[in-house]
Protein backbone atom coordinates (compact mmCIF):
# COMPACT_ATOMS: atom_id res chain seq x y z
CA MET A 1 16.81 -15.15 -16.01
CA LEU A 2 15.45 -12.43 -13.38
CA LEU A 3 18.50 -10.52 -14.17
CA VAL A 4 17.71 -10.48 -17.79
CA ALA A 5 14.44 -9.39 -17.43
CA GLY A 6 15.44 -6.52 -14.90
CA ALA A 7 18.43 -5.31 -17.40
CA ALA A 8 15.72 -5.43 -20.19
CA LEU A 9 13.04 -3.47 -17.94
CA LEU A 10 16.02 -0.53 -17.00
CA ALA A 11 16.91 -0.52 -20.63
CA ALA A 12 13.17 0.15 -21.44
CA GLU A 13 12.82 2.91 -19.02
CA SER A 14 15.88 4.67 -20.10
CA ALA A 15 14.23 4.73 -23.75
CA VAL A 16 11.06 5.99 -22.31
CA VAL A 17 12.93 9.05 -20.13
CA THR A 18 15.55 9.67 -22.93
CA LYS A 19 12.89 10.32 -25.88
CA ARG A 20 10.65 12.13 -23.38
CA ARG A 21 13.55 14.33 -21.73
CA GLY A 22 16.61 14.09 -24.00
CA SER A 23 18.97 12.92 -21.04
CA LEU A 24 19.02 10.14 -18.62
CA LEU A 25 19.66 12.23 -15.37
CA LYS A 26 18.09 15.54 -14.31
CA ALA A 27 17.53 17.02 -11.19
CA ASP A 28 14.39 19.07 -12.11
CA THR A 29 12.14 16.40 -14.13
CA ILE A 30 8.80 17.62 -14.57
CA VAL A 31 6.45 14.54 -13.24
CA ARG A 32 2.71 14.35 -13.42
CA CYS A 33 0.75 12.45 -10.76
CA ARG A 34 -2.08 11.04 -11.25
CA SER A 35 -4.60 13.30 -10.10
CA GLY A 36 -2.97 15.77 -12.96
CA HIS A 37 -0.30 17.72 -10.55
CA LEU A 38 2.69 18.98 -12.16
CA PHE A 39 5.86 19.40 -10.08
CA SER A 40 9.64 18.49 -10.64
CA THR A 41 11.31 16.07 -8.88
CA LEU A 42 14.75 13.97 -9.45
CA TRP A 43 14.45 11.25 -11.72
CA ILE A 44 17.49 8.56 -12.47
CA PRO A 45 16.29 5.99 -14.42
CA GLY A 46 16.51 2.29 -12.78
CA ALA A 47 17.40 3.87 -9.36
CA SER A 48 14.95 5.36 -6.71
CA VAL A 49 15.59 7.93 -4.12
CA LYS A 50 12.58 9.13 -2.92
CA SER A 51 9.87 6.85 -4.33
CA LEU A 52 8.88 3.14 -4.76
CA ARG A 53 9.60 1.80 -8.22
CA LEU A 54 6.93 0.19 -10.44
CA GLY A 55 8.63 -0.76 -13.66
CA TRP A 56 8.65 2.95 -15.38
CA TRP A 57 6.14 4.53 -12.74
CA ARG A 58 6.95 5.44 -9.32
CA VAL A 59 4.76 5.73 -6.19
CA GLN A 60 5.93 9.29 -4.86
CA TYR A 61 4.49 11.91 -2.65
CA CYS A 62 2.88 14.59 -4.48
CA PRO A 63 3.77 18.23 -3.21
CA VAL A 64 1.00 19.80 -5.02
CA GLY A 65 -2.18 17.58 -3.90
CA ARG A 66 -0.28 16.56 -0.73
CA HIS A 67 -1.00 12.96 -1.38
CA TRP A 68 1.08 9.60 -2.47
CA SER A 69 0.36 8.77 -6.40
CA LEU A 70 1.72 7.03 -9.20
CA VAL A 71 4.20 9.58 -11.20
CA THR A 72 5.53 9.81 -14.59
CA PRO A 73 7.78 12.23 -16.36
CA VAL A 74 5.81 14.53 -18.71
CA ALA A 75 7.17 15.38 -22.29
CA VAL A 76 8.12 19.12 -21.74
CA ARG A 77 7.37 20.24 -25.53
CA ASP A 78 3.78 18.99 -24.89
CA LEU A 79 3.38 21.45 -21.79
CA THR A 80 2.40 25.62 -21.80
CA GLU A 81 5.05 28.08 -20.76
CA SER A 82 2.91 28.56 -17.76
CA GLN A 83 2.59 24.72 -16.91
CA ARG A 84 6.30 24.59 -17.08
CA ALA A 85 6.92 27.53 -15.22
CA ALA A 86 4.34 26.22 -12.32
CA ALA A 87 6.09 22.67 -12.44
CA ALA A 88 9.50 24.32 -12.06
CA SER A 89 8.48 26.37 -9.15
CA ILE A 90 6.99 23.12 -7.00
CA HIS A 91 10.13 20.76 -6.26
CA ASP A 92 9.33 17.75 -3.89
CA LEU A 93 11.49 16.86 -0.97
CA ARG A 94 15.37 17.55 -1.78
CA VAL A 95 17.85 14.97 -1.14
CA PRO A 96 20.50 16.22 1.08
């Protein structure tokens, strides 16, 4: 039962991420922290490399505000060109 619930949660997360970005895996996904800061990160649905997963939310370090926060993927089409450029220029820690 727990396995089925986990699989359903993964499928829901994949659907949300796919709708927002158009792909399931992206090294430079733009995310927003709870304080509104935008930055780019590695986002892999169903996996957490640099964060603690809470459903489709993740607790991750925000390099803009230098704090830990919930982060979620952003619909890139809703951002201005300057917001996209700013978020692309700030990346959290790279995974070796």
